[in-house]
Amino acid sequence: MRVEGQASLSSDLAGRIRIEILTEQLLPGAKITEQHFSDKYGVSRTPVREALRNLEAEGLVEMIPNRGAFIIGLSARELKDLFTLRMSSEMQAVRWATLRRSKEEMEAIEESMDFMEFYTERLDAKRMRSINAGFHHRIAVAAHNRILSDTLTRMQEYIRYSARILPYREADLPEILLEHRGIFAAMQSGDPEAGAAAMQKHIENSLLRTGL
């Protein structure tokens, strides 16, 4: 039980530090210490050390023997590459979700669409971004593939928190809504390839809107 708790704490710390890196509260090249995070989050150095190892495995931190840990972060090129990787994964997710989703899962996706309509009418860009993330998450869940779902969750987290990504603009909301309507309509009609094509168009346009 203690080991499970330790793993959970390390995972939570890795998530917090990851967000600090992606939002550039911690800048590339900066040296970080276990003691800093131990003091900041009120934990021992052991879970901090494990969290930093996890982030090193993700490529966000580099541990250099006898020197310490240094922030790497994500470059603009890496973020653009991430959109390409995400696009292929999202396209497969919508294919599988179209074929595998349950009635309840389709109703949940439809609920996300209803919220998108609502917040687009009110030009609420902040809420739209949140609902957008939920829409994609529900499709990933409906694909019924845990590895794909976990992979997409991490990719979306990188993109959502990255300081290099421009926030949603109110002027873009109608276009974003239209793109999601295309994805949803294809799923409703049971056409996985149309869904994949609509998803591809959406992710390509999303990259253009980021300013990268």
C-alpha atoms as a PDB file:
ATOM      1  CA  MET A   1       0.000   0.000   0.000  1.00  0.00           C
ATOM      2  CA  ARG A   2       2.843   2.321   0.841  1.00  0.00           C
ATOM      3  CA  VAL A   3       4.491   1.628  -2.521  1.00  0.00           C
ATOM      4  CA  GLU A   4       1.244   2.405  -4.367  1.00  0.00           C
ATOM      5  CA  GLY A   5       0.911   5.661  -2.426  1.00  0.00           C
ATOM      6  CA  GLN A   6       4.498   6.578  -3.267  1.00  0.00           C
ATOM      7  CA  ALA A   7       3.876   5.935  -6.969  1.00  0.00           C
ATOM      8  CA  SER A   8       0.718   8.041  -6.871  1.00  0.00           C
ATOM      9  CA  LEU A   9       2.559  10.906  -5.158  1.00  0.00           C
ATOM     10  CA  SER A  10       5.404  10.759  -7.691  1.00  0.00           C
ATOM     11  CA  SER A  11       2.895  10.803 -10.546  1.00  0.00           C
ATOM     12  CA  ASP A  12       1.110  13.808  -9.047  1.00  0.00           C
ATOM     13  CA  LEU A  13       4.390  15.672  -8.590  1.00  0.00           C
ATOM     14  CA  ALA A  14       5.444  14.851 -12.155  1.00  0.00           C
ATOM     15  CA  GLY A  15       2.144  16.321 -13.368  1.00  0.00           C
ATOM     16  CA  ARG A  16       2.664  19.542 -11.427  1.00  0.00           C
ATOM     17  CA  ILE A  17       6.255  19.976 -12.547  1.00  0.00           C
ATOM     18  CA  ARG A  18       5.272  19.104 -16.128  1.00  0.00           C
ATOM     19  CA  ILE A  19       2.776  21.961 -16.171  1.00  0.00           C
ATOM     20  CA  GLU A  20       5.431  24.342 -14.780  1.00  0.00           C
ATOM     21  CA  ILE A  21       7.718  23.324 -17.655  1.00  0.00           C
ATOM     22  CA  LEU A  22       5.085  23.529 -20.389  1.00  0.00           C
ATOM     23  CA  THR A  23       3.826  26.919 -19.206  1.00  0.00           C
ATOM     24  CA  GLU A  24       7.471  28.083 -19.026  1.00  0.00           C
ATOM     25  CA  GLN A  25       7.365  28.888 -15.342  1.00  0.00           C
ATOM     26  CA  LEU A  26      10.544  26.798 -15.555  1.00  0.00           C
ATOM     27  CA  LEU A  27      12.566  27.874 -18.580  1.00  0.00           C
ATOM     28  CA  PRO A  28      14.737  25.613 -20.764  1.00  0.00           C
ATOM     29  CA  GLY A  29      18.270  25.420 -19.436  1.00  0.00           C
ATOM     30  CA  ALA A  30      17.283  26.180 -15.848  1.00  0.00           C
ATOM     31  CA  LYS A  31      18.805  23.980 -13.168  1.00  0.00           C
ATOM     32  CA  ILE A  32      16.329  22.440 -10.746  1.00  0.00           C
ATOM     33  CA  THR A  33      16.936  20.659  -7.471  1.00  0.00           C
ATOM     34  CA  GLU A  34      15.082  17.975  -5.583  1.00  0.00           C
ATOM     35  CA  GLN A  35      15.212  20.150  -2.496  1.00  0.00           C
ATOM     36  CA  HIS A  36      13.400  23.014  -4.251  1.00  0.00           C
ATOM     37  CA  PHE A  37      10.376  20.870  -5.060  1.00  0.00           C
ATOM     38  CA  SER A  38      10.578  19.075  -1.732  1.00  0.00           C
ATOM     39  CA  ASP A  39      10.227  22.427   0.039  1.00  0.00           C
ATOM     40  CA  LYS A  40       7.648  23.785  -2.404  1.00  0.00           C
ATOM     41  CA  TYR A  41       5.272  20.825  -2.190  1.00  0.00           C
ATOM     42  CA  GLY A  42       6.027  19.711   1.360  1.00  0.00           C
ATOM     43  CA  VAL A  43       7.193  16.201   0.483  1.00  0.00           C
ATOM     44  CA  SER A  44      10.370  14.177   0.907  1.00  0.00           C
ATOM     45  CA  ARG A  45      12.998  14.142  -1.812  1.00  0.00           C
ATOM     46  CA  THR A  46      12.317  10.512  -2.764  1.00  0.00           C
ATOM     47  CA  PRO A  47       9.029  11.091  -4.685  1.00  0.00           C
ATOM     48  CA  VAL A  48      10.542  14.245  -6.217  1.00  0.00           C
ATOM     49  CA  ARG A  49      13.493  12.217  -7.492  1.00  0.00           C
ATOM     50  CA  GLU A  50      11.112   9.670  -9.035  1.00  0.00           C
ATOM     51  CA  ALA A  51       9.006  12.447 -10.591  1.00  0.00           C
ATOM     52  CA  LEU A  52      12.096  13.966 -12.209  1.00  0.00           C
ATOM     53  CA  ARG A  53      13.099  10.560 -13.569  1.00  0.00           C
ATOM     54  CA  ASN A  54       9.645  10.217 -15.124  1.00  0.00           C
ATOM     55  CA  LEU A  55       9.982  13.652 -16.724  1.00  0.00           C
ATOM     56  CA  GLU A  56      13.438  12.716 -17.987  1.00  0.00           C
ATOM     57  CA  ALA A  57      11.870   9.695 -19.696  1.00  0.00           C
ATOM     58  CA  GLU A  58       9.428  12.109 -21.393  1.00  0.00           C
ATOM     59  CA  GLY A  59      12.309  14.263 -22.585  1.00  0.00           C
ATOM     60  CA  LEU A  60      11.330  17.340 -20.559  1.00  0.00           C
ATOM     61  CA  VAL A  61      14.201  17.111 -18.069  1.00  0.00           C
ATOM     62  CA  GLU A  62      17.825  16.004 -18.346  1.00  0.00           C
ATOM     63  CA  MET A  63      19.624  14.484 -15.371  1.00  0.00           C
ATOM     64  CA  ILE A  64      23.383  15.024 -15.630  1.00  0.00           C
ATOM     65  CA  PRO A  65      25.578  13.064 -13.191  1.00  0.00           C
ATOM     66  CA  ASN A  66      27.413  15.267 -10.676  1.00  0.00           C
ATOM     67  CA  ARG A  67      25.710  18.382 -12.069  1.00  0.00           C
ATOM     68  CA  GLY A  68      21.986  18.007 -11.380  1.00  0.00           C
ATOM     69  CA  ALA A  69      18.734  18.222 -13.302  1.00  0.00           C
ATOM     70  CA  PHE A  70      18.097  20.707 -16.106  1.00  0.00           C
ATOM     71  CA  ILE A  71      14.934  21.774 -17.913  1.00  0.00           C
ATOM     72  CA  ILE A  72      14.686  20.879 -21.611  1.00  0.00           C
ATOM     73  CA  GLY A  73      11.064  21.704 -22.353  1.00  0.00           C
ATOM     74  CA  LEU A  74       9.550  21.560 -25.845  1.00  0.00           C
ATOM     75  CA  SER A  75      10.801  23.527 -28.831  1.00  0.00           C
ATOM     76  CA  ALA A  76       8.470  25.014 -31.443  1.00  0.00           C
ATOM     77  CA  ARG A  77       9.562  22.318 -33.881  1.00  0.00           C
ATOM     78  CA  GLU A  78       8.793  19.565 -31.388  1.00  0.00           C
ATOM     79  CA  LEU A  79       5.343  21.017 -30.816  1.00  0.00           C
ATOM     80  CA  LYS A  80       4.661  21.098 -34.546  1.00  0.00           C
ATOM     81  CA  ASP A  81       5.814  17.483 -34.784  1.00  0.00           C
ATOM     82  CA  LEU A  82       3.493  16.693 -31.881  1.00  0.00           C
ATOM     83  CA  PHE A  83       0.523  17.941 -33.916  1.00  0.00           C
ATOM     84  CA  THR A  84       1.478  15.519 -36.713  1.00  0.00           C
ATOM     85  CA  LEU A  85       1.668  12.634 -34.255  1.00  0.00           C
ATOM     86  CA  ARG A  86      -1.557  13.696 -32.606  1.00  0.00           C
ATOM     87  CA  MET A  87      -3.335  13.930 -35.946  1.00  0.00           C
ATOM     88  CA  SER A  88      -2.669  10.302 -36.869  1.00  0.00           C
ATOM     89  CA  SER A  89      -3.703   9.147 -33.387  1.00  0.00           C
ATOM     90  CA  GLU A  90      -6.872  11.261 -33.363  1.00  0.00           C
ATOM     91  CA  MET A  91      -7.820   9.972 -36.820  1.00  0.00           C
ATOM     92  CA  GLN A  92      -7.505   6.382 -35.623  1.00  0.00           C
ATOM     93  CA  ALA A  93      -9.418   7.198 -32.451  1.00  0.00           C
ATOM     94  CA  VAL A  94     -12.401   8.539 -34.374  1.00  0.00           C
ATOM     95  CA  ARG A  95     -12.346   5.533 -36.712  1.00  0.00           C
ATOM     96  CA  TRP A  96     -12.509   3.098 -33.804  1.00  0.00           C
ATOM     97  CA  ALA A  97     -14.957   5.226 -31.835  1.00  0.00           C
ATOM     98  CA  THR A  98     -17.335   5.365 -34.807  1.00  0.00           C
ATOM     99  CA  LEU A  99     -17.382   1.565 -34.935  1.00  0.00           C
ATOM    100  CA  ARG A 100     -17.116   0.726 -31.231  1.00  0.00           C
ATOM    101  CA  ARG A 101     -18.908   3.470 -29.287  1.00  0.00           C
ATOM    102  CA  SER A 102     -21.844   2.590 -27.091  1.00  0.00           C
ATOM    103  CA  LYS A 103     -25.124   4.498 -27.120  1.00  0.00           C
ATOM    104  CA  GLU A 104     -24.141   6.176 -23.829  1.00  0.00           C
ATOM    105  CA  GLU A 105     -20.740   7.205 -25.169  1.00  0.00           C
ATOM    106  CA  MET A 106     -22.310   8.727 -28.271  1.00  0.00           C
ATOM    107  CA  GLU A 107     -24.732  10.645 -26.057  1.00  0.00           C
ATOM    108  CA  ALA A 108     -21.756  11.998 -24.054  1.00  0.00           C
ATOM    109  CA  ILE A 109     -20.058  13.160 -27.271  1.00  0.00           C
ATOM    110  CA  GLU A 110     -23.318  14.776 -28.367  1.00  0.00           C
ATOM    111  CA  GLU A 111     -23.495  16.555 -25.010  1.00  0.00           C
ATOM    112  CA  SER A 112     -20.046  18.033 -25.687  1.00  0.00           C
ATOM    113  CA  MET A 113     -21.324  19.261 -29.045  1.00  0.00           C
ATOM    114  CA  ASP A 114     -24.308  20.929 -27.339  1.00  0.00           C
ATOM    115  CA  PHE A 115     -21.948  22.753 -24.985  1.00  0.00           C
ATOM    116  CA  MET A 116     -19.786  23.829 -27.929  1.00  0.00           C
ATOM    117  CA  GLU A 117     -22.839  25.330 -29.620  1.00  0.00           C
ATOM    118  CA  PHE A 118     -23.764  27.128 -26.393  1.00  0.00           C
ATOM    119  CA  TYR A 119     -20.340  28.652 -25.695  1.00  0.00           C
ATOM    120  CA  THR A 120     -19.688  29.522 -29.322  1.00  0.00           C
ATOM    121  CA  GLU A 121     -22.873  31.603 -29.358  1.00  0.00           C
ATOM    122  CA  ARG A 122     -21.542  33.434 -26.292  1.00  0.00           C
ATOM    123  CA  LEU A 123     -18.029  33.760 -27.764  1.00  0.00           C
ATOM    124  CA  ASP A 124     -16.585  32.221 -24.597  1.00  0.00           C
ATOM    125  CA  ALA A 125     -13.171  31.119 -25.873  1.00  0.00           C
ATOM    126  CA  LYS A 126     -11.913  29.868 -22.509  1.00  0.00           C
ATOM    127  CA  ARG A 127     -14.855  27.543 -21.958  1.00  0.00           C
ATOM    128  CA  MET A 128     -14.766  26.402 -25.585  1.00  0.00           C
ATOM    129  CA  ARG A 129     -11.168  25.282 -25.188  1.00  0.00           C
ATOM    130  CA  SER A 130     -12.121  23.240 -22.145  1.00  0.00           C
ATOM    131  CA  ILE A 131     -15.163  21.682 -23.848  1.00  0.00           C
ATOM    132  CA  ASN A 132     -13.036  20.940 -26.923  1.00  0.00           C
ATOM    133  CA  ALA A 133     -10.632  18.931 -24.766  1.00  0.00           C
ATOM    134  CA  GLY A 134     -13.584  17.022 -23.329  1.00  0.00           C
ATOM    135  CA  PHE A 135     -14.957  16.270 -26.804  1.00  0.00           C
ATOM    136  CA  HIS A 136     -11.678  14.716 -27.912  1.00  0.00           C
ATOM    137  CA  HIS A 137     -11.295  12.821 -24.634  1.00  0.00           C
ATOM    138  CA  ARG A 138     -14.744  11.274 -25.036  1.00  0.00           C
ATOM    139  CA  ILE A 139     -13.909  10.116 -28.551  1.00  0.00           C
ATOM    140  CA  ALA A 140     -10.677   8.550 -27.258  1.00  0.00           C
ATOM    141  CA  VAL A 141     -12.609   6.730 -24.531  1.00  0.00           C
ATOM    142  CA  ALA A 142     -15.191   5.516 -27.062  1.00  0.00           C
ATOM    143  CA  ALA A 143     -12.367   4.054 -29.183  1.00  0.00           C
ATOM    144  CA  HIS A 144     -11.916   1.426 -26.445  1.00  0.00           C
ATOM    145  CA  ASN A 145      -8.151   1.251 -26.678  1.00  0.00           C
ATOM    146  CA  ARG A 146      -6.377   2.119 -23.454  1.00  0.00           C
ATOM    147  CA  ILE A 147      -2.932   2.662 -24.991  1.00  0.00           C
ATOM    148  CA  LEU A 148      -4.310   5.063 -27.597  1.00  0.00           C
ATOM    149  CA  SER A 149      -6.375   6.900 -24.991  1.00  0.00           C
ATOM    150  CA  ASP A 150      -3.384   7.316 -22.653  1.00  0.00           C
ATOM    151  CA  THR A 151      -1.182   8.507 -25.522  1.00  0.00           C
ATOM    152  CA  LEU A 152      -3.722  11.110 -26.628  1.00  0.00           C
ATOM    153  CA  THR A 153      -4.221  12.335 -23.069  1.00  0.00           C
ATOM    154  CA  ARG A 154      -0.498  13.095 -22.777  1.00  0.00           C
ATOM    155  CA  MET A 155      -0.306  14.749 -26.199  1.00  0.00           C
ATOM    156  CA  GLN A 156      -3.316  16.929 -25.459  1.00  0.00           C
ATOM    157  CA  GLU A 157      -1.829  17.919 -22.104  1.00  0.00           C
ATOM    158  CA  TYR A 158       1.394  19.051 -23.781  1.00  0.00           C
ATOM    159  CA  ILE A 159      -0.555  21.141 -26.280  1.00  0.00           C
ATOM    160  CA  ARG A 160      -3.097  22.507 -23.792  1.00  0.00           C
ATOM    161  CA  TYR A 161      -0.520  23.869 -21.356  1.00  0.00           C
ATOM    162  CA  SER A 162       2.238  24.916 -23.735  1.00  0.00           C
ATOM    163  CA  ALA A 163       3.059  28.606 -23.421  1.00  0.00           C
ATOM    164  CA  ARG A 164       3.977  28.595 -27.126  1.00  0.00           C
ATOM    165  CA  ILE A 165       0.395  27.859 -28.197  1.00  0.00           C
ATOM    166  CA  LEU A 166      -1.775  30.922 -28.787  1.00  0.00           C
ATOM    167  CA  PRO A 167      -5.055  30.990 -26.830  1.00  0.00           C
ATOM    168  CA  TYR A 168      -8.346  30.571 -28.674  1.00  0.00           C
ATOM    169  CA  ARG A 169      -9.524  33.709 -30.446  1.00  0.00           C
ATOM    170  CA  GLU A 170     -13.204  34.594 -30.426  1.00  0.00           C
ATOM    171  CA  ALA A 171     -13.146  35.065 -34.224  1.00  0.00           C
ATOM    172  CA  ASP A 172     -12.070  31.429 -34.674  1.00  0.00           C
ATOM    173  CA  LEU A 173     -14.856  29.877 -32.595  1.00  0.00           C
ATOM    174  CA  PRO A 174     -17.439  29.478 -35.420  1.00  0.00           C
ATOM    175  CA  GLU A 175     -14.838  27.732 -37.600  1.00  0.00           C
ATOM    176  CA  ILE A 176     -13.797  25.448 -34.733  1.00  0.00           C
ATOM    177  CA  LEU A 177     -17.439  24.592 -34.083  1.00  0.00           C
ATOM    178  CA  LEU A 178     -17.981  23.773 -37.770  1.00  0.00           C
ATOM    179  CA  GLU A 179     -14.991  21.423 -37.760  1.00  0.00           C
ATOM    180  CA  HIS A 180     -16.366  19.545 -34.759  1.00  0.00           C
ATOM    181  CA  ARG A 181     -19.793  19.331 -36.370  1.00  0.00           C
ATOM    182  CA  GLY A 182     -18.151  17.537 -39.296  1.00  0.00           C
ATOM    183  CA  ILE A 183     -16.514  15.000 -36.973  1.00  0.00           C
ATOM    184  CA  PHE A 184     -19.722  14.432 -35.046  1.00  0.00           C
ATOM    185  CA  ALA A 185     -21.875  14.099 -38.186  1.00  0.00           C
ATOM    186  CA  ALA A 186     -19.549  11.422 -39.578  1.00  0.00           C
ATOM    187  CA  MET A 187     -19.759   9.488 -36.323  1.00  0.00           C
ATOM    188  CA  GLN A 188     -23.550   9.766 -36.323  1.00  0.00           C
ATOM    189  CA  SER A 189     -23.724   8.395 -39.859  1.00  0.00           C
ATOM    190  CA  GLY A 190     -21.372   5.542 -38.958  1.00  0.00           C
ATOM    191  CA  ASP A 191     -18.692   6.523 -41.496  1.00  0.00           C
ATOM    192  CA  PRO A 192     -15.237   6.020 -39.907  1.00  0.00           C
ATOM    193  CA  GLU A 193     -13.272   7.311 -42.915  1.00  0.00           C
ATOM    194  CA  ALA A 194     -15.349  10.484 -43.148  1.00  0.00           C
ATOM    195  CA  GLY A 195     -14.743  10.959 -39.442  1.00  0.00           C
ATOM    196  CA  ALA A 196     -10.994  10.502 -39.922  1.00  0.00           C
ATOM    197  CA  ALA A 197     -10.983  13.015 -42.800  1.00  0.00           C
ATOM    198  CA  ALA A 198     -12.910  15.559 -40.714  1.00  0.00           C
ATOM    199  CA  MET A 199     -10.511  15.021 -37.807  1.00  0.00           C
ATOM    200  CA  GLN A 200      -7.505  15.491 -40.094  1.00  0.00           C
ATOM    201  CA  LYS A 201      -8.884  18.787 -41.348  1.00  0.00           C
ATOM    202  CA  HIS A 202      -9.549  19.927 -37.767  1.00  0.00           C
ATOM    203  CA  ILE A 203      -6.044  19.116 -36.487  1.00  0.00           C
ATOM    204  CA  GLU A 204      -4.392  20.722 -39.539  1.00  0.00           C
ATOM    205  CA  ASN A 205      -6.426  23.891 -38.972  1.00  0.00           C
ATOM    206  CA  SER A 206      -5.670  23.758 -35.244  1.00  0.00           C
ATOM    207  CA  LEU A 207      -1.952  23.848 -36.025  1.00  0.00           C
ATOM    208  CA  LEU A 208      -2.446  26.876 -38.278  1.00  0.00           C
ATOM    209  CA  ARG A 209      -4.312  28.644 -35.457  1.00  0.00           C
ATOM    210  CA  THR A 210      -1.522  28.039 -32.928  1.00  0.00           C
ATOM    211  CA  GLY A 211       0.866  30.517 -34.502  1.00  0.00           C
ATOM    212  CA  LEU A 212       3.711  27.971 -34.575  1.00  0.00           C
END
